[in-house]
Amino acid sequence: MPIGHVPRSINIRTSGVMTRKCAPGDGVIVTGVYLPAALYGQRGATLTQDTYIHAFDIEKEKTSNSDHSLAEETLDQINTIKSTSSNDSHLLTRLANSICPEIFGMTEVKQALLL
């Protein structure tokens, strides 16, 4: 998500083997048809439309986070930062400030997410 943009979503309908191709958090490329879906208001008085994609193919672009392992270079950088920090609270604050730096404050929430 680019900074400052509002998250958007769209419904995707699948069937058969397509339903088990991805997991939450996976980046996917969807091929399908963009279609309207009728939505009826209270007591059928009004008719509005929503949209969805009827998917024919789903490809994983990125696997889930559990499939990744850290490179040796990254592990060395982590160990360097850990050894240069004077205490654990300083390191926790430094890491918390690196999460969503465009959101000012909320340090306790960021620290809770880290832990």
PDB file of N, CA and C in Angstrom:
ATOM      1  N   MET A   1       0.847  -1.176   0.000  1.00  0.00           N
ATOM      2  CA  MET A   1       0.000   0.000   0.000  1.00  0.00           C
ATOM      3  C   MET A   1       0.893   1.240   0.000  1.00  0.00           C
ATOM      4  N   PRO A   2       0.732   2.108  -0.964  1.00  0.00           N
ATOM      5  CA  PRO A   2       1.513   3.350  -0.928  1.00  0.00           C
ATOM      6  C   PRO A   2       1.126   4.216   0.265  1.00  0.00           C
ATOM      7  N   ILE A   3       2.049   5.042   0.735  1.00  0.00           N
ATOM      8  CA  ILE A   3       1.807   5.891   1.900  1.00  0.00           C
ATOM      9  C   ILE A   3       0.676   6.866   1.599  1.00  0.00           C
ATOM     10  N   GLY A   4      -0.276   6.953   2.520  1.00  0.00           N
ATOM     11  CA  GLY A   4      -1.371   7.896   2.384  1.00  0.00           C
ATOM     12  C   GLY A   4      -2.571   7.390   1.616  1.00  0.00           C
ATOM     13  N   HIS A   5      -2.510   6.196   1.049  1.00  0.00           N
ATOM     14  CA  HIS A   5      -3.625   5.663   0.293  1.00  0.00           C
ATOM     15  C   HIS A   5      -4.562   4.859   1.192  1.00  0.00           C
ATOM     16  N   VAL A   6      -5.821   4.822   0.825  1.00  0.00           N
ATOM     17  CA  VAL A   6      -6.830   4.081   1.570  1.00  0.00           C
ATOM     18  C   VAL A   6      -6.842   2.639   1.055  1.00  0.00           C
ATOM     19  N   PRO A   7      -6.822   1.650   1.955  1.00  0.00           N
ATOM     20  CA  PRO A   7      -6.876   0.265   1.506  1.00  0.00           C
ATOM     21  C   PRO A   7      -8.181  -0.014   0.763  1.00  0.00           C
ATOM     22  N   ARG A   8      -8.108  -0.725  -0.303  1.00  0.00           N
ATOM     23  CA  ARG A   8      -9.271  -1.090  -1.107  1.00  0.00           C
ATOM     24  C   ARG A   8      -9.354  -2.616  -1.181  1.00  0.00           C
ATOM     25  N   SER A   9     -10.528  -3.104  -1.462  1.00  0.00           N
ATOM     26  CA  SER A   9     -10.684  -4.545  -1.611  1.00  0.00           C
ATOM     27  C   SER A   9     -11.739  -4.831  -2.672  1.00  0.00           C
ATOM     28  N   ILE A  10     -11.704  -6.032  -3.183  1.00  0.00           N
ATOM     29  CA  ILE A  10     -12.704  -6.497  -4.134  1.00  0.00           C
ATOM     30  C   ILE A  10     -12.931  -7.977  -3.863  1.00  0.00           C
ATOM     31  N   ASN A  11     -14.155  -8.417  -4.025  1.00  0.00           N
ATOM     32  CA  ASN A  11     -14.477  -9.831  -3.829  1.00  0.00           C
ATOM     33  C   ASN A  11     -14.044 -10.620  -5.051  1.00  0.00           C
ATOM     34  N   ILE A  12     -13.530 -11.806  -4.797  1.00  0.00           N
ATOM     35  CA  ILE A  12     -13.135 -12.711  -5.869  1.00  0.00           C
ATOM     36  C   ILE A  12     -13.845 -14.030  -5.617  1.00  0.00           C
ATOM     37  N   ARG A  13     -14.552 -14.504  -6.619  1.00  0.00           N
ATOM     38  CA  ARG A  13     -15.261 -15.778  -6.494  1.00  0.00           C
ATOM     39  C   ARG A  13     -14.531 -16.839  -7.296  1.00  0.00           C
ATOM     40  N   THR A  14     -14.355 -17.992  -6.655  1.00  0.00           N
ATOM     41  CA  THR A  14     -13.676 -19.113  -7.296  1.00  0.00           C
ATOM     42  C   THR A  14     -14.509 -20.372  -7.109  1.00  0.00           C
ATOM     43  N   SER A  15     -14.116 -21.411  -7.796  1.00  0.00           N
ATOM     44  CA  SER A  15     -14.782 -22.707  -7.624  1.00  0.00           C
ATOM     45  C   SER A  15     -13.787 -23.820  -7.923  1.00  0.00           C
ATOM     46  N   GLY A  16     -14.084 -24.990  -7.418  1.00  0.00           N
ATOM     47  CA  GLY A  16     -13.254 -26.164  -7.679  1.00  0.00           C
ATOM     48  C   GLY A  16     -11.869 -26.062  -7.078  1.00  0.00           C
ATOM     49  N   VAL A  17     -10.855 -26.430  -7.860  1.00  0.00           N
ATOM     50  CA  VAL A  17      -9.476 -26.461  -7.371  1.00  0.00           C
ATOM     51  C   VAL A  17      -8.909 -25.075  -7.116  1.00  0.00           C
ATOM     52  N   MET A  18      -9.539 -24.050  -7.642  1.00  0.00           N
ATOM     53  CA  MET A  18      -9.050 -22.692  -7.453  1.00  0.00           C
ATOM     54  C   MET A  18      -9.193 -22.218  -5.998  1.00  0.00           C
ATOM     55  N   THR A  19     -10.060 -22.870  -5.230  1.00  0.00           N
ATOM     56  CA  THR A  19     -10.324 -22.409  -3.870  1.00  0.00           C
ATOM     57  C   THR A  19      -9.166 -22.665  -2.916  1.00  0.00           C
ATOM     58  N   ARG A  20      -8.242 -23.529  -3.221  1.00  0.00           N
ATOM     59  CA  ARG A  20      -7.144 -23.874  -2.305  1.00  0.00           C
ATOM     60  C   ARG A  20      -5.776 -23.441  -2.824  1.00  0.00           C
ATOM     61  N   LYS A  21      -5.729 -22.485  -3.725  1.00  0.00           N
ATOM     62  CA  LYS A  21      -4.457 -22.106  -4.335  1.00  0.00           C
ATOM     63  C   LYS A  21      -3.639 -21.107  -3.524  1.00  0.00           C
ATOM     64  N   CYS A  22      -4.241 -20.410  -2.585  1.00  0.00           N
ATOM     65  CA  CYS A  22      -3.487 -19.410  -1.838  1.00  0.00           C
ATOM     66  C   CYS A  22      -3.967 -19.357  -0.388  1.00  0.00           C
ATOM     67  N   ALA A  23      -3.185 -18.686   0.427  1.00  0.00           N
ATOM     68  CA  ALA A  23      -3.484 -18.546   1.852  1.00  0.00           C
ATOM     69  C   ALA A  23      -3.491 -17.065   2.200  1.00  0.00           C
ATOM     70  N   PRO A  24      -4.068 -16.700   3.345  1.00  0.00           N
ATOM     71  CA  PRO A  24      -4.046 -15.285   3.752  1.00  0.00           C
ATOM     72  C   PRO A  24      -2.622 -14.755   3.814  1.00  0.00           C
ATOM     73  N   GLY A  25      -2.416 -13.577   3.267  1.00  0.00           N
ATOM     74  CA  GLY A  25      -1.102 -12.961   3.260  1.00  0.00           C
ATOM     75  C   GLY A  25      -0.314 -13.190   1.991  1.00  0.00           C
ATOM     76  N   ASP A  26      -0.765 -14.091   1.142  1.00  0.00           N
ATOM     77  CA  ASP A  26      -0.073 -14.346  -0.115  1.00  0.00           C
ATOM     78  C   ASP A  26      -0.374 -13.236  -1.109  1.00  0.00           C
ATOM     79  N   GLY A  27       0.639 -12.848  -1.863  1.00  0.00           N
ATOM     80  CA  GLY A  27       0.434 -11.954  -2.998  1.00  0.00           C
ATOM     81  C   GLY A  27       0.014 -12.807  -4.174  1.00  0.00           C
ATOM     82  N   VAL A  28      -1.033 -12.430  -4.873  1.00  0.00           N
ATOM     83  CA  VAL A  28      -1.541 -13.252  -5.967  1.00  0.00           C
ATOM     84  C   VAL A  28      -1.778 -12.416  -7.212  1.00  0.00           C
ATOM     85  N   ILE A  29      -1.765 -13.084  -8.346  1.00  0.00           N
ATOM     86  CA  ILE A  29      -2.172 -12.506  -9.624  1.00  0.00           C
ATOM     87  C   ILE A  29      -3.416 -13.263 -10.044  1.00  0.00           C
ATOM     88  N   VAL A  30      -4.516 -12.542 -10.227  1.00  0.00           N
ATOM     89  CA  VAL A  30      -5.806 -13.154 -10.545  1.00  0.00           C
ATOM     90  C   VAL A  30      -6.172 -12.834 -11.982  1.00  0.00           C
ATOM     91  N   THR A  31      -6.569 -13.871 -12.724  1.00  0.00           N
ATOM     92  CA  THR A  31      -7.089 -13.701 -14.068  1.00  0.00           C
ATOM     93  C   THR A  31      -8.553 -14.081 -14.037  1.00  0.00           C
ATOM     94  N   GLY A  32      -9.405 -13.186 -14.511  1.00  0.00           N
ATOM     95  CA  GLY A  32     -10.831 -13.471 -14.463  1.00  0.00           C
ATOM     96  C   GLY A  32     -11.649 -12.410 -15.160  1.00  0.00           C
ATOM     97  N   VAL A  33     -12.944 -12.448 -14.905  1.00  0.00           N
ATOM     98  CA  VAL A  33     -13.890 -11.519 -15.507  1.00  0.00           C
ATOM     99  C   VAL A  33     -14.478 -10.643 -14.411  1.00  0.00           C
ATOM    100  N   TYR A  34     -14.504  -9.350 -14.656  1.00  0.00           N
ATOM    101  CA  TYR A  34     -15.062  -8.370 -13.732  1.00  0.00           C
ATOM    102  C   TYR A  34     -16.557  -8.287 -14.002  1.00  0.00           C
ATOM    103  N   LEU A  35     -17.383  -8.675 -13.005  1.00  0.00           N
ATOM    104  CA  LEU A  35     -18.833  -8.788 -13.210  1.00  0.00           C
ATOM    105  C   LEU A  35     -19.617  -8.030 -12.138  1.00  0.00           C
ATOM    106  N   PRO A  36     -20.845  -7.621 -12.479  1.00  0.00           N
ATOM    107  CA  PRO A  36     -21.717  -7.019 -11.467  1.00  0.00           C
ATOM    108  C   PRO A  36     -22.474  -8.107 -10.715  1.00  0.00           C
ATOM    109  N   ALA A  37     -22.827  -7.810  -9.473  1.00  0.00           N
ATOM    110  CA  ALA A  37     -23.643  -8.721  -8.666  1.00  0.00           C
ATOM    111  C   ALA A  37     -24.796  -7.903  -8.097  1.00  0.00           C
ATOM    112  N   ALA A  38     -26.019  -8.350  -8.294  1.00  0.00           N
ATOM    113  CA  ALA A  38     -27.188  -7.614  -7.819  1.00  0.00           C
ATOM    114  C   ALA A  38     -27.309  -7.744  -6.306  1.00  0.00           C
ATOM    115  N   LEU A  39     -27.549  -6.638  -5.649  1.00  0.00           N
ATOM    116  CA  LEU A  39     -27.798  -6.606  -4.212  1.00  0.00           C
ATOM    117  C   LEU A  39     -29.183  -6.010  -4.011  1.00  0.00           C
ATOM    118  N   TYR A  40     -30.006  -6.692  -3.267  1.00  0.00           N
ATOM    119  CA  TYR A  40     -31.356  -6.197  -3.022  1.00  0.00           C
ATOM    120  C   TYR A  40     -31.397  -5.470  -1.693  1.00  0.00           C
ATOM    121  N   GLY A  41     -32.072  -4.305  -1.678  1.00  0.00           N
ATOM    122  CA  GLY A  41     -32.203  -3.528  -0.458  1.00  0.00           C
ATOM    123  C   GLY A  41     -33.234  -4.146   0.461  1.00  0.00           C
ATOM    124  N   GLN A  42     -33.655  -3.412   1.462  1.00  0.00           N
ATOM    125  CA  GLN A  42     -34.645  -3.900   2.407  1.00  0.00           C
ATOM    126  C   GLN A  42     -35.954  -4.190   1.680  1.00  0.00           C
ATOM    127  N   ARG A  43     -36.490  -5.351   1.917  1.00  0.00           N
ATOM    128  CA  ARG A  43     -37.765  -5.805   1.356  1.00  0.00           C
ATOM    129  C   ARG A  43     -37.797  -5.764  -0.168  1.00  0.00           C
ATOM    130  N   GLY A  44     -36.625  -5.808  -0.787  1.00  0.00           N
ATOM    131  CA  GLY A  44     -36.569  -5.855  -2.244  1.00  0.00           C
ATOM    132  C   GLY A  44     -36.966  -4.563  -2.927  1.00  0.00           C
ATOM    133  N   ALA A  45     -37.058  -3.466  -2.208  1.00  0.00           N
ATOM    134  CA  ALA A  45     -37.530  -2.205  -2.778  1.00  0.00           C
ATOM    135  C   ALA A  45     -36.489  -1.568  -3.695  1.00  0.00           C
ATOM    136  N   THR A  46     -35.226  -1.681  -3.350  1.00  0.00           N
ATOM    137  CA  THR A  46     -34.191  -1.057  -4.171  1.00  0.00           C
ATOM    138  C   THR A  46     -33.236  -2.119  -4.690  1.00  0.00           C
ATOM    139  N   LEU A  47     -32.693  -1.842  -5.833  1.00  0.00           N
ATOM    140  CA  LEU A  47     -31.731  -2.757  -6.445  1.00  0.00           C
ATOM    141  C   LEU A  47     -30.436  -1.989  -6.650  1.00  0.00           C
ATOM    142  N   THR A  48     -29.380  -2.446  -6.009  1.00  0.00           N
ATOM    143  CA  THR A  48     -28.069  -1.844  -6.201  1.00  0.00           C
ATOM    144  C   THR A  48     -27.131  -2.918  -6.711  1.00  0.00           C
ATOM    145  N   GLN A  49     -25.948  -2.493  -7.132  1.00  0.00           N
ATOM    146  CA  GLN A  49     -25.000  -3.463  -7.652  1.00  0.00           C
ATOM    147  C   GLN A  49     -23.675  -3.373  -6.922  1.00  0.00           C
ATOM    148  N   ASP A  50     -23.096  -4.523  -6.703  1.00  0.00           N
ATOM    149  CA  ASP A  50     -21.739  -4.640  -6.214  1.00  0.00           C
ATOM    150  C   ASP A  50     -20.961  -5.287  -7.349  1.00  0.00           C
ATOM    151  N   THR A  51     -19.660  -5.343  -7.248  1.00  0.00           N
ATOM    152  CA  THR A  51     -18.879  -5.992  -8.300  1.00  0.00           C
ATOM    153  C   THR A  51     -17.979  -7.054  -7.685  1.00  0.00           C
ATOM    154  N   TYR A  52     -17.570  -7.984  -8.507  1.00  0.00           N
ATOM    155  CA  TYR A  52     -16.656  -9.038  -8.088  1.00  0.00           C
ATOM    156  C   TYR A  52     -15.889  -9.525  -9.301  1.00  0.00           C
ATOM    157  N   ILE A  53     -14.852 -10.306  -9.053  1.00  0.00           N
ATOM    158  CA  ILE A  53     -14.097 -10.937 -10.133  1.00  0.00           C
ATOM    159  C   ILE A  53     -14.366 -12.427 -10.082  1.00  0.00           C
ATOM    160  N   HIS A  54     -14.831 -12.985 -11.189  1.00  0.00           N
ATOM    161  CA  HIS A  54     -14.984 -14.443 -11.309  1.00  0.00           C
ATOM    162  C   HIS A  54     -13.643 -14.970 -11.810  1.00  0.00           C
ATOM    163  N   ALA A  55     -12.869 -15.620 -10.923  1.00  0.00           N
ATOM    164  CA  ALA A  55     -11.490 -15.999 -11.214  1.00  0.00           C
ATOM    165  C   ALA A  55     -11.409 -17.285 -12.028  1.00  0.00           C
ATOM    166  N   PHE A  56     -10.570 -17.232 -13.067  1.00  0.00           N
ATOM    167  CA  PHE A  56     -10.267 -18.422 -13.870  1.00  0.00           C
ATOM    168  C   PHE A  56      -8.913 -19.005 -13.499  1.00  0.00           C
ATOM    169  N   ASP A  57      -8.009 -18.138 -13.059  1.00  0.00           N
ATOM    170  CA  ASP A  57      -6.667 -18.593 -12.690  1.00  0.00           C
ATOM    171  C   ASP A  57      -6.124 -17.715 -11.569  1.00  0.00           C
ATOM    172  N   ILE A  58      -5.444 -18.347 -10.626  1.00  0.00           N
ATOM    173  CA  ILE A  58      -4.798 -17.630  -9.533  1.00  0.00           C
ATOM    174  C   ILE A  58      -3.363 -18.133  -9.444  1.00  0.00           C
ATOM    175  N   GLU A  59      -2.411 -17.189  -9.517  1.00  0.00           N
ATOM    176  CA  GLU A  59      -1.000 -17.532  -9.393  1.00  0.00           C
ATOM    177  C   GLU A  59      -0.445 -16.846  -8.155  1.00  0.00           C
ATOM    178  N   LYS A  60       0.376 -17.570  -7.404  1.00  0.00           N
ATOM    179  CA  LYS A  60       1.042 -16.968  -6.252  1.00  0.00           C
ATOM    180  C   LYS A  60       2.179 -16.093  -6.751  1.00  0.00           C
ATOM    181  N   GLU A  61       2.182 -14.852  -6.282  1.00  0.00           N
ATOM    182  CA  GLU A  61       3.269 -13.944  -6.610  1.00  0.00           C
ATOM    183  C   GLU A  61       4.319 -13.982  -5.515  1.00  0.00           C
ATOM    184  N   LYS A  62       3.863 -14.101  -4.295  1.00  0.00           N
ATOM    185  CA  LYS A  62       4.736 -14.128  -3.122  1.00  0.00           C
ATOM    186  C   LYS A  62       4.209 -15.206  -2.185  1.00  0.00           C
ATOM    187  N   THR A  63       5.083 -15.986  -1.621  1.00  0.00           N
ATOM    188  CA  THR A  63       4.646 -17.011  -0.684  1.00  0.00           C
ATOM    189  C   THR A  63       4.405 -16.396   0.681  1.00  0.00           C
ATOM    190  N   SER A  64       3.811 -17.136   1.583  1.00  0.00           N
ATOM    191  CA  SER A  64       3.543 -16.616   2.926  1.00  0.00           C
ATOM    192  C   SER A  64       4.851 -16.386   3.669  1.00  0.00           C
ATOM    193  N   ASN A  65       4.811 -15.603   4.720  1.00  0.00           N
ATOM    194  CA  ASN A  65       6.012 -15.226   5.456  1.00  0.00           C
ATOM    195  C   ASN A  65       6.715 -16.404   6.094  1.00  0.00           C
ATOM    196  N   SER A  66       6.011 -17.486   6.365  1.00  0.00           N
ATOM    197  CA  SER A  66       6.640 -18.639   7.005  1.00  0.00           C
ATOM    198  C   SER A  66       7.569 -19.388   6.052  1.00  0.00           C
ATOM    199  N   ASP A  67       7.449 -19.132   4.741  1.00  0.00           N
ATOM    200  CA  ASP A  67       8.282 -19.821   3.762  1.00  0.00           C
ATOM    201  C   ASP A  67       9.644 -19.157   3.569  1.00  0.00           C
ATOM    202  N   HIS A  68       9.869 -17.991   4.177  1.00  0.00           N
ATOM    203  CA  HIS A  68      11.109 -17.264   3.982  1.00  0.00           C
ATOM    204  C   HIS A  68      12.090 -17.545   5.109  1.00  0.00           C
ATOM    205  N   SER A  69      13.362 -17.552   4.757  1.00  0.00           N
ATOM    206  CA  SER A  69      14.403 -17.665   5.766  1.00  0.00           C
ATOM    207  C   SER A  69      15.352 -16.479   5.579  1.00  0.00           C
ATOM    208  N   LEU A  70      16.022 -16.092   6.644  1.00  0.00           N
ATOM    209  CA  LEU A  70      16.911 -14.941   6.587  1.00  0.00           C
ATOM    210  C   LEU A  70      18.257 -15.317   6.003  1.00  0.00           C
ATOM    211  N   ALA A  71      18.800 -14.431   5.209  1.00  0.00           N
ATOM    212  CA  ALA A  71      20.124 -14.639   4.631  1.00  0.00           C
ATOM    213  C   ALA A  71      21.184 -14.413   5.707  1.00  0.00           C
ATOM    214  N   GLU A  72      22.363 -14.945   5.476  1.00  0.00           N
ATOM    215  CA  GLU A  72      23.467 -14.793   6.434  1.00  0.00           C
ATOM    216  C   GLU A  72      23.817 -13.320   6.646  1.00  0.00           C
ATOM    217  N   GLU A  73      23.780 -12.529   5.571  1.00  0.00           N
ATOM    218  CA  GLU A  73      24.093 -11.106   5.672  1.00  0.00           C
ATOM    219  C   GLU A  73      23.102 -10.395   6.601  1.00  0.00           C
ATOM    220  N   THR A  74      21.828 -10.753   6.490  1.00  0.00           N
ATOM    221  CA  THR A  74      20.800 -10.146   7.343  1.00  0.00           C
ATOM    222  C   THR A  74      21.008 -10.556   8.793  1.00  0.00           C
ATOM    223  N   LEU A  75      21.320 -11.814   9.028  1.00  0.00           N
ATOM    224  CA  LEU A  75      21.588 -12.276  10.391  1.00  0.00           C
ATOM    225  C   LEU A  75      22.795 -11.564  11.000  1.00  0.00           C
ATOM    226  N   ASP A  76      23.828 -11.320  10.189  1.00  0.00           N
ATOM    227  CA  ASP A  76      24.996 -10.581  10.668  1.00  0.00           C
ATOM    228  C   ASP A  76      24.628  -9.150  11.049  1.00  0.00           C
ATOM    229  N   GLN A  77      23.756  -8.497  10.237  1.00  0.00           N
ATOM    230  CA  GLN A  77      23.323  -7.140  10.555  1.00  0.00           C
ATOM    231  C   GLN A  77      22.523  -7.114  11.855  1.00  0.00           C
ATOM    232  N   ILE A  78      21.682  -8.109  12.070  1.00  0.00           N
ATOM    233  CA  ILE A  78      20.890  -8.186  13.300  1.00  0.00           C
ATOM    234  C   ILE A  78      21.801  -8.349  14.508  1.00  0.00           C
ATOM    235  N   ASN A  79      22.783  -9.227  14.395  1.00  0.00           N
ATOM    236  CA  ASN A  79      23.721  -9.434  15.506  1.00  0.00           C
ATOM    237  C   ASN A  79      24.549  -8.185  15.788  1.00  0.00           C
ATOM    238  N   THR A  80      24.912  -7.427  14.745  1.00  0.00           N
ATOM    239  CA  THR A  80      25.656  -6.177  14.932  1.00  0.00           C
ATOM    240  C   THR A  80      24.818  -5.156  15.681  1.00  0.00           C
ATOM    241  N   ILE A  81      23.564  -4.990  15.283  1.00  0.00           N
ATOM    242  CA  ILE A  81      22.667  -4.045  15.957  1.00  0.00           C
ATOM    243  C   ILE A  81      22.445  -4.466  17.402  1.00  0.00           C
ATOM    244  N   LYS A  82      22.300  -5.756  17.618  1.00  0.00           N
ATOM    245  CA  LYS A  82      22.068  -6.272  18.967  1.00  0.00           C
ATOM    246  C   LYS A  82      23.277  -6.011  19.869  1.00  0.00           C
ATOM    247  N   SER A  83      24.465  -6.195  19.335  1.00  0.00           N
ATOM    248  CA  SER A  83      25.663  -6.006  20.157  1.00  0.00           C
ATOM    249  C   SER A  83      25.970  -4.541  20.414  1.00  0.00           C
ATOM    250  N   THR A  84      25.556  -3.627  19.514  1.00  0.00           N
ATOM    251  CA  THR A  84      25.839  -2.203  19.707  1.00  0.00           C
ATOM    252  C   THR A  84      24.828  -1.517  20.608  1.00  0.00           C
ATOM    253  N   SER A  85      23.663  -2.125  20.831  1.00  0.00           N
ATOM    254  CA  SER A  85      22.655  -1.511  21.695  1.00  0.00           C
ATOM    255  C   SER A  85      23.084  -1.639  23.146  1.00  0.00           C
ATOM    256  N   SER A  86      22.916  -0.538  23.901  1.00  0.00           N
ATOM    257  CA  SER A  86      23.356  -0.536  25.294  1.00  0.00           C
ATOM    258  C   SER A  86      22.448  -1.378  26.180  1.00  0.00           C
ATOM    259  N   ASN A  87      21.141  -1.388  25.898  1.00  0.00           N
ATOM    260  CA  ASN A  87      20.231  -2.234  26.675  1.00  0.00           C
ATOM    261  C   ASN A  87      19.052  -2.636  25.800  1.00  0.00           C
ATOM    262  N   ASP A  88      18.260  -3.559  26.314  1.00  0.00           N
ATOM    263  CA  ASP A  88      17.154  -4.100  25.531  1.00  0.00           C
ATOM    264  C   ASP A  88      16.041  -3.086  25.296  1.00  0.00           C
ATOM    265  N   SER A  89      15.795  -2.176  26.240  1.00  0.00           N
ATOM    266  CA  SER A  89      14.716  -1.208  26.061  1.00  0.00           C
ATOM    267  C   SER A  89      15.050  -0.229  24.938  1.00  0.00           C
ATOM    268  N   HIS A  90      16.340   0.120  24.792  1.00  0.00           N
ATOM    269  CA  HIS A  90      16.754   1.002  23.703  1.00  0.00           C
ATOM    270  C   HIS A  90      16.518   0.324  22.353  1.00  0.00           C
ATOM    271  N   LEU A  91      16.850  -0.944  22.269  1.00  0.00           N
ATOM    272  CA  LEU A  91      16.654  -1.699  21.033  1.00  0.00           C
ATOM    273  C   LEU A  91      15.168  -1.829  20.709  1.00  0.00           C
ATOM    274  N   LEU A  92      14.343  -2.088  21.712  1.00  0.00           N
ATOM    275  CA  LEU A  92      12.901  -2.206  21.507  1.00  0.00           C
ATOM    276  C   LEU A  92      12.317  -0.892  20.997  1.00  0.00           C
ATOM    277  N   THR A  93      12.739   0.221  21.569  1.00  0.00           N
ATOM    278  CA  THR A  93      12.262   1.534  21.127  1.00  0.00           C
ATOM    279  C   THR A  93      12.709   1.817  19.698  1.00  0.00           C
ATOM    280  N   ARG A  94      13.940   1.487  19.395  1.00  0.00           N
ATOM    281  CA  ARG A  94      14.477   1.705  18.043  1.00  0.00           C
ATOM    282  C   ARG A  94      13.715   0.877  17.010  1.00  0.00           C
ATOM    283  N   LEU A  95      13.447  -0.379  17.325  1.00  0.00           N
ATOM    284  CA  LEU A  95      12.684  -1.226  16.410  1.00  0.00           C
ATOM    285  C   LEU A  95      11.246  -0.748  16.270  1.00  0.00           C
ATOM    286  N   ALA A  96      10.641  -0.319  17.384  1.00  0.00           N
ATOM    287  CA  ALA A  96       9.258   0.159  17.342  1.00  0.00           C
ATOM    288  C   ALA A  96       9.136   1.414  16.483  1.00  0.00           C
ATOM    289  N   ASN A  97      10.116   2.292  16.550  1.00  0.00           N
ATOM    290  CA  ASN A  97      10.087   3.509  15.743  1.00  0.00           C
ATOM    291  C   ASN A  97      10.254   3.226  14.256  1.00  0.00           C
ATOM    292  N   SER A  98      10.786   2.070  13.908  1.00  0.00           N
ATOM    293  CA  SER A  98      10.961   1.732  12.494  1.00  0.00           C
ATOM    294  C   SER A  98       9.696   1.142  11.879  1.00  0.00           C
ATOM    295  N   ILE A  99       8.713   0.791  12.701  1.00  0.00           N
ATOM    296  CA  ILE A  99       7.436   0.281  12.179  1.00  0.00           C
ATOM    297  C   ILE A  99       6.549   1.466  11.838  1.00  0.00           C
ATOM    298  N   CYS A 100       6.073   1.519  10.612  1.00  0.00           N
ATOM    299  CA  CYS A 100       5.182   2.591  10.143  1.00  0.00           C
ATOM    300  C   CYS A 100       5.675   3.961  10.591  1.00  0.00           C
ATOM    301  N   PRO A 101       6.830   4.398  10.123  1.00  0.00           N
ATOM    302  CA  PRO A 101       7.373   5.683  10.580  1.00  0.00           C
ATOM    303  C   PRO A 101       6.494   6.872  10.204  1.00  0.00           C
ATOM    304  N   GLU A 102       5.598   6.696   9.233  1.00  0.00           N
ATOM    305  CA  GLU A 102       4.712   7.801   8.859  1.00  0.00           C
ATOM    306  C   GLU A 102       3.606   8.037   9.883  1.00  0.00           C
ATOM    307  N   ILE A 103       3.406   7.076  10.808  1.00  0.00           N
ATOM    308  CA  ILE A 103       2.428   7.235  11.888  1.00  0.00           C
ATOM    309  C   ILE A 103       3.185   7.692  13.123  1.00  0.00           C
ATOM    310  N   PHE A 104       2.916   8.925  13.553  1.00  0.00           N
ATOM    311  CA  PHE A 104       3.626   9.501  14.683  1.00  0.00           C
ATOM    312  C   PHE A 104       3.064   8.966  15.996  1.00  0.00           C
ATOM    313  N   GLY A 105       3.952   8.672  16.936  1.00  0.00           N
ATOM    314  CA  GLY A 105       3.528   8.223  18.256  1.00  0.00           C
ATOM    315  C   GLY A 105       3.129   6.766  18.258  1.00  0.00           C
ATOM    316  N   MET A 106       2.222   6.418  19.168  1.00  0.00           N
ATOM    317  CA  MET A 106       1.717   5.055  19.337  1.00  0.00           C
ATOM    318  C   MET A 106       2.843   4.055  19.565  1.00  0.00           C
ATOM    319  N   THR A 107       3.867   4.482  20.290  1.00  0.00           N
ATOM    320  CA  THR A 107       5.035   3.633  20.527  1.00  0.00           C
ATOM    321  C   THR A 107       4.676   2.350  21.254  1.00  0.00           C
ATOM    322  N   GLU A 108       3.772   2.446  22.223  1.00  0.00           N
ATOM    323  CA  GLU A 108       3.384   1.249  22.995  1.00  0.00           C
ATOM    324  C   GLU A 108       2.702   0.214  22.094  1.00  0.00           C
ATOM    325  N   VAL A 109       1.868   0.687  21.175  1.00  0.00           N
ATOM    326  CA  VAL A 109       1.184  -0.236  20.257  1.00  0.00           C
ATOM    327  C   VAL A 109       2.206  -0.903  19.332  1.00  0.00           C
ATOM    328  N   LYS A 110       3.150  -0.127  18.843  1.00  0.00           N
ATOM    329  CA  LYS A 110       4.183  -0.677  17.973  1.00  0.00           C
ATOM    330  C   LYS A 110       5.055  -1.696  18.726  1.00  0.00           C
ATOM    331  N   GLN A 111       5.361  -1.398  19.979  1.00  0.00           N
ATOM    332  CA  GLN A 111       6.154  -2.345  20.786  1.00  0.00           C
ATOM    333  C   GLN A 111       5.365  -3.625  21.027  1.00  0.00           C
ATOM    334  N   ALA A 112       4.063  -3.502  21.254  1.00  0.00           N
ATOM    335  CA  ALA A 112       3.228  -4.697  21.457  1.00  0.00           C
ATOM    336  C   ALA A 112       3.201  -5.545  20.198  1.00  0.00           C
ATOM    337  N   LEU A 113       3.156  -4.915  19.033  1.00  0.00           N
ATOM    338  CA  LEU A 113       3.191  -5.666  17.775  1.00  0.00           C
ATOM    339  C   LEU A 113       4.509  -6.402  17.620  1.00  0.00           C
ATOM    340  N   LEU A 114       5.594  -5.762  18.019  1.00  0.00           N
ATOM    341  CA  LEU A 114       6.908  -6.415  17.943  1.00  0.00           C
ATOM    342  C   LEU A 114       6.992  -7.636  18.851  1.00  0.00           C
ATOM    343  N   LEU A 115       6.463  -7.483  20.055  1.00  0.00           N
ATOM    344  CA  LEU A 115       6.569  -8.572  21.021  1.00  0.00           C
ATOM    345  C   LEU A 115       5.622  -9.688  20.675  1.00  0.00           C
TER     346      LEU A 115
END
